[in-house]
N, C-alpha and C. Protein backbone atom coordinates (compact mmCIF):
# COMPACT_ATOMS: atom_id res chain seq x y z
N MET A 1 62.45 154.62 -125.73
CA MET A 1 62.06 154.43 -124.29
C MET A 1 61.14 153.23 -124.57
N THR A 2 61.39 152.06 -123.79
CA THR A 2 60.42 151.02 -123.82
C THR A 2 59.59 150.86 -122.52
N ASP A 3 58.30 150.63 -122.82
CA ASP A 3 57.26 150.48 -121.73
C ASP A 3 57.32 148.83 -121.35
N GLU A 4 58.01 148.43 -120.49
CA GLU A 4 57.86 147.13 -119.95
C GLU A 4 56.83 146.89 -118.91
N THR A 5 55.86 146.28 -119.16
CA THR A 5 54.85 145.97 -118.18
C THR A 5 54.99 144.48 -117.66
N PRO A 6 54.97 144.35 -116.35
CA PRO A 6 55.19 142.99 -115.99
C PRO A 6 54.28 142.00 -116.47
N ALA A 7 54.72 140.80 -116.69
CA ALA A 7 53.74 139.82 -117.07
C ALA A 7 52.84 139.43 -115.84
N PRO A 8 51.49 139.28 -116.17
CA PRO A 8 50.49 139.02 -115.11
C PRO A 8 51.05 137.73 -114.28
N ALA A 9 50.91 137.77 -113.00
CA ALA A 9 51.26 136.55 -112.29
C ALA A 9 50.19 135.57 -112.44
N ARG A 10 50.64 134.30 -112.54
CA ARG A 10 49.69 133.18 -112.60
C ARG A 10 49.06 132.93 -111.28
N PRO A 11 47.74 132.78 -111.16
CA PRO A 11 47.02 132.73 -109.98
C PRO A 11 47.35 131.27 -109.38
N THR A 12 47.59 131.26 -108.17
CA THR A 12 47.87 130.01 -107.58
C THR A 12 46.68 129.25 -107.31
N GLN A 13 46.59 128.04 -107.31
CA GLN A 13 45.52 127.25 -107.21
C GLN A 13 45.68 126.15 -106.24
N PRO A 14 45.64 126.55 -104.91
CA PRO A 14 45.87 125.67 -103.82
C PRO A 14 44.92 124.44 -103.68
N ARG A 15 43.76 124.81 -104.08
CA ARG A 15 42.81 123.67 -104.01
C ARG A 15 42.41 122.78 -105.19
N ASN A 16 43.11 123.16 -106.26
CA ASN A 16 43.09 122.24 -107.51
C ASN A 16 44.15 121.32 -107.54
N PRO A 17 43.75 119.94 -107.35
CA PRO A 17 44.57 118.86 -107.30
C PRO A 17 45.35 118.53 -108.55
N LEU A 18 44.83 119.17 -109.75
CA LEU A 18 45.54 118.84 -111.01
C LEU A 18 46.57 119.99 -111.29
N HIS A 19 46.64 121.04 -110.45
CA HIS A 19 47.44 122.14 -110.62
C HIS A 19 48.97 121.60 -110.56
N GLY A 20 49.83 121.84 -111.67
CA GLY A 20 51.00 121.49 -111.53
C GLY A 20 51.46 120.08 -111.99
N LEU A 21 50.45 119.36 -112.37
CA LEU A 21 50.66 117.89 -112.83
C LEU A 21 50.53 118.02 -114.27
N THR A 22 51.55 117.16 -114.94
CA THR A 22 51.51 116.96 -116.31
C THR A 22 50.44 115.89 -116.65
N LEU A 23 50.11 115.82 -117.95
CA LEU A 23 49.18 114.83 -118.32
C LEU A 23 49.98 113.57 -118.31
N GLU A 24 51.18 113.38 -118.62
CA GLU A 24 52.03 112.21 -118.42
C GLU A 24 51.94 111.71 -117.04
N ALA A 25 52.04 112.48 -116.07
CA ALA A 25 52.00 112.01 -114.70
C ALA A 25 50.59 111.52 -114.36
N ILE A 26 49.55 111.95 -114.95
CA ILE A 26 48.24 111.61 -114.76
C ILE A 26 47.99 110.29 -115.30
N VAL A 27 48.38 110.11 -116.56
CA VAL A 27 48.05 108.74 -117.22
C VAL A 27 49.00 107.65 -116.62
N THR A 28 50.18 108.06 -116.38
CA THR A 28 51.03 107.09 -115.56
C THR A 28 50.45 106.62 -114.20
N ALA A 29 50.03 107.53 -113.39
CA ALA A 29 49.44 107.22 -112.30
C ALA A 29 48.20 106.25 -112.40
N LEU A 30 47.36 106.68 -113.27
CA LEU A 30 46.09 105.92 -113.57
C LEU A 30 46.54 104.40 -114.01
N ALA A 31 47.52 104.45 -115.04
CA ALA A 31 47.91 103.06 -115.50
C ALA A 31 48.39 102.24 -114.39
N ASP A 32 49.27 102.70 -113.56
CA ASP A 32 49.79 102.00 -112.36
C ASP A 32 48.68 101.64 -111.51
N TYR A 33 47.67 102.49 -111.24
CA TYR A 33 46.79 102.04 -110.19
C TYR A 33 45.75 101.18 -110.79
N TYR A 34 45.22 101.41 -112.07
CA TYR A 34 44.07 100.58 -112.56
C TYR A 34 44.71 99.45 -113.23
N GLY A 35 45.89 99.58 -114.13
CA GLY A 35 46.23 98.72 -115.06
C GLY A 35 45.54 99.12 -116.42
N TRP A 36 46.17 98.98 -117.62
CA TRP A 36 45.78 99.32 -118.83
C TRP A 36 44.40 98.66 -119.15
N GLU A 37 44.29 97.33 -118.81
CA GLU A 37 43.15 96.62 -119.18
C GLU A 37 41.89 97.33 -118.43
N HIS A 38 41.99 97.57 -117.08
CA HIS A 38 40.83 98.05 -116.53
C HIS A 38 40.69 99.58 -116.78
N LEU A 39 41.78 100.25 -117.05
CA LEU A 39 41.67 101.67 -117.56
C LEU A 39 40.81 101.77 -118.87
N GLY A 40 41.07 100.84 -119.64
CA GLY A 40 40.33 100.78 -120.98
C GLY A 40 38.87 100.51 -120.86
N GLU A 41 38.50 99.71 -119.79
CA GLU A 41 37.10 99.62 -119.49
C GLU A 41 36.48 100.84 -118.86
N LEU A 42 37.21 101.67 -117.98
CA LEU A 42 36.85 102.72 -117.52
C LEU A 42 36.67 104.00 -118.26
N VAL A 43 37.68 104.07 -119.08
CA VAL A 43 37.54 105.16 -120.18
C VAL A 43 37.79 104.44 -121.51
N PRO A 44 36.74 103.98 -122.29
CA PRO A 44 36.77 103.03 -123.43
C PRO A 44 37.31 103.95 -124.61
N ILE A 45 38.73 104.24 -124.72
CA ILE A 45 39.28 104.78 -125.90
C ILE A 45 40.33 103.88 -126.50
N ARG A 46 40.52 103.81 -127.69
CA ARG A 46 41.49 103.00 -128.38
C ARG A 46 42.84 102.86 -127.80
N CYS A 47 43.42 104.07 -127.38
CA CYS A 47 44.88 104.16 -126.98
C CYS A 47 44.86 103.60 -125.48
N PHE A 48 43.89 103.35 -124.80
CA PHE A 48 43.96 102.42 -123.62
C PHE A 48 43.58 100.93 -123.84
N MET A 49 43.07 100.64 -125.03
CA MET A 49 42.62 99.30 -125.06
C MET A 49 43.45 98.41 -126.14
N ILE A 50 43.89 99.11 -127.19
CA ILE A 50 44.80 98.43 -128.29
C ILE A 50 46.31 98.90 -128.08
N ASP A 51 47.10 97.99 -127.72
CA ASP A 51 48.45 98.29 -127.78
C ASP A 51 48.70 99.59 -126.86
N PRO A 52 48.33 99.65 -125.63
CA PRO A 52 48.43 100.90 -124.85
C PRO A 52 49.87 101.38 -124.47
N SER A 53 50.13 102.55 -124.51
CA SER A 53 51.22 103.07 -124.10
C SER A 53 51.07 104.60 -123.59
N VAL A 54 51.98 105.06 -122.65
CA VAL A 54 51.89 106.46 -122.41
C VAL A 54 52.00 107.25 -123.45
N GLY A 55 52.91 107.00 -124.25
CA GLY A 55 53.05 108.08 -125.59
C GLY A 55 51.92 108.14 -126.43
N SER A 56 51.33 106.89 -126.78
CA SER A 56 50.22 106.98 -127.56
C SER A 56 49.00 107.59 -126.96
N SER A 57 48.79 107.43 -125.65
CA SER A 57 47.83 108.03 -124.97
C SER A 57 47.98 109.48 -124.82
N LEU A 58 49.13 110.07 -124.68
CA LEU A 58 49.49 111.50 -124.66
C LEU A 58 49.03 112.21 -125.84
N LYS A 59 49.53 111.45 -127.06
CA LYS A 59 49.24 112.07 -128.35
C LYS A 59 47.83 112.22 -128.56
N PHE A 60 46.86 111.26 -128.31
CA PHE A 60 45.52 111.10 -128.42
C PHE A 60 44.83 112.15 -127.45
N LEU A 61 45.20 112.29 -126.15
CA LEU A 61 44.58 112.97 -125.18
C LEU A 61 44.71 114.51 -125.45
N ARG A 62 46.05 114.77 -125.90
CA ARG A 62 46.26 116.32 -126.19
C ARG A 62 45.44 116.95 -127.45
N LYS A 63 45.07 116.05 -128.22
CA LYS A 63 44.04 116.44 -129.33
C LYS A 63 42.71 116.26 -129.17
N THR A 64 42.27 115.64 -128.06
CA THR A 64 40.92 115.27 -127.81
C THR A 64 40.33 115.73 -126.47
N PRO A 65 39.84 117.06 -126.28
CA PRO A 65 39.50 117.60 -125.09
C PRO A 65 38.43 116.60 -124.20
N TRP A 66 37.48 116.00 -124.88
CA TRP A 66 36.50 115.32 -124.11
C TRP A 66 37.09 114.07 -123.53
N ALA A 67 38.20 113.48 -124.13
CA ALA A 67 38.67 112.34 -123.67
C ALA A 67 39.65 112.61 -122.48
N ARG A 68 40.27 113.82 -122.60
CA ARG A 68 41.17 114.39 -121.54
C ARG A 68 40.27 114.64 -120.39
N GLU A 69 39.14 115.24 -120.42
CA GLU A 69 38.33 115.59 -119.36
C GLU A 69 37.91 114.44 -118.62
N LYS A 70 37.63 113.10 -119.20
CA LYS A 70 37.19 111.90 -118.66
C LYS A 70 38.31 111.44 -117.91
N VAL A 71 39.81 111.59 -118.46
CA VAL A 71 40.84 111.06 -117.76
C VAL A 71 41.22 111.80 -116.59
N GLU A 72 41.09 113.19 -116.65
CA GLU A 72 41.30 113.99 -115.58
C GLU A 72 40.30 113.66 -114.49
N SER A 73 39.08 113.53 -114.80
CA SER A 73 37.90 113.12 -113.86
C SER A 73 38.28 111.84 -113.15
N LEU A 74 38.67 110.86 -113.94
CA LEU A 74 39.05 109.59 -113.37
C LEU A 74 40.16 109.65 -112.38
N TYR A 75 41.15 110.52 -112.75
CA TYR A 75 42.31 110.86 -111.90
C TYR A 75 41.89 111.46 -110.36
N LEU A 76 40.89 112.34 -110.60
CA LEU A 76 40.46 112.87 -109.26
C LEU A 76 39.57 111.83 -108.55
N PHE A 77 38.82 111.07 -109.18
CA PHE A 77 38.19 109.87 -108.47
C PHE A 77 39.18 109.01 -107.80
N MET A 78 40.23 108.64 -108.59
CA MET A 78 41.27 107.83 -107.96
C MET A 78 41.88 108.39 -106.81
N LEU A 79 42.23 109.81 -106.74
CA LEU A 79 42.73 110.24 -105.57
C LEU A 79 41.69 110.22 -104.43
N ARG A 80 40.42 110.39 -104.73
CA ARG A 80 39.48 110.12 -103.56
C ARG A 80 39.36 108.84 -103.08
N GLU A 81 39.59 107.83 -104.00
CA GLU A 81 39.62 106.43 -103.63
C GLU A 81 40.78 106.10 -102.76
N GLN A 82 41.92 106.62 -103.10
CA GLN A 82 43.12 106.39 -102.34
C GLN A 82 43.08 106.97 -100.95
N ARG A 83 42.51 108.18 -100.77
CA ARG A 83 42.39 108.82 -99.50
C ARG A 83 41.33 107.89 -98.63
N ARG A 84 40.25 107.49 -99.23
CA ARG A 84 39.44 106.51 -98.49
C ARG A 84 39.99 105.42 -97.96
N GLU A 85 40.89 104.86 -98.72
CA GLU A 85 41.54 103.38 -98.40
C GLU A 85 42.48 103.85 -97.29
N GLN A 86 43.22 104.85 -97.40
CA GLN A 86 44.25 105.20 -96.35
C GLN A 86 43.44 105.54 -95.10
N GLN A 87 42.30 106.17 -95.14
CA GLN A 87 41.58 106.33 -93.74
C GLN A 87 41.07 105.20 -93.19
N GLN A 88 40.78 104.21 -94.21
CA GLN A 88 40.22 102.83 -93.59
C GLN A 88 41.34 102.04 -93.01
N GLN A 89 42.49 102.23 -93.49
CA GLN A 89 43.70 101.53 -92.89
C GLN A 89 44.27 102.11 -91.66
N ASN A 90 44.17 103.35 -91.64
CA ASN A 90 44.70 104.40 -90.42
C ASN A 90 43.62 105.15 -89.85
N PRO A 91 42.63 104.56 -89.21
CA PRO A 91 41.53 105.48 -88.78
C PRO A 91 42.03 106.23 -87.55
N THR A 92 41.67 107.21 -87.45
CA THR A 92 42.06 108.17 -86.30
C THR A 92 40.98 108.25 -85.30
N SER A 93 41.27 108.05 -84.05
CA SER A 93 40.29 107.85 -82.83
C SER A 93 40.13 109.31 -82.48
N PRO A 94 38.70 109.59 -82.13
CA PRO A 94 38.40 110.97 -81.57
C PRO A 94 39.01 111.42 -80.33
C-alpha cells in the first residue's frame, strides 16, 4: 500500500512582478532597455562590462546571489520607470 500525499501547491504571487520570469528574460530586458554599456555602469560587474552577452551574464548571476539581487532590483526599477514614462505620455484626465 502506497501513501501518496499530494505535492504542496505552489503559492501564487500575484503582486510579485518577478514571479514567472526567467533570469534570461530579466537580463535581456535590461540589456535592451539600458544597453550593455549603461548596464555595466549601473551594475558594475565584469560580465556586463567586458565582452557582454546574455550567456556569460547568466552563468555569473546564477552563481553570485548578491549580483543577482542587484540585477533583479534594477529590473524592478526599470519597470517603475517604464510605467512613469507611459503615464507621462498618456495622462488620464480625472
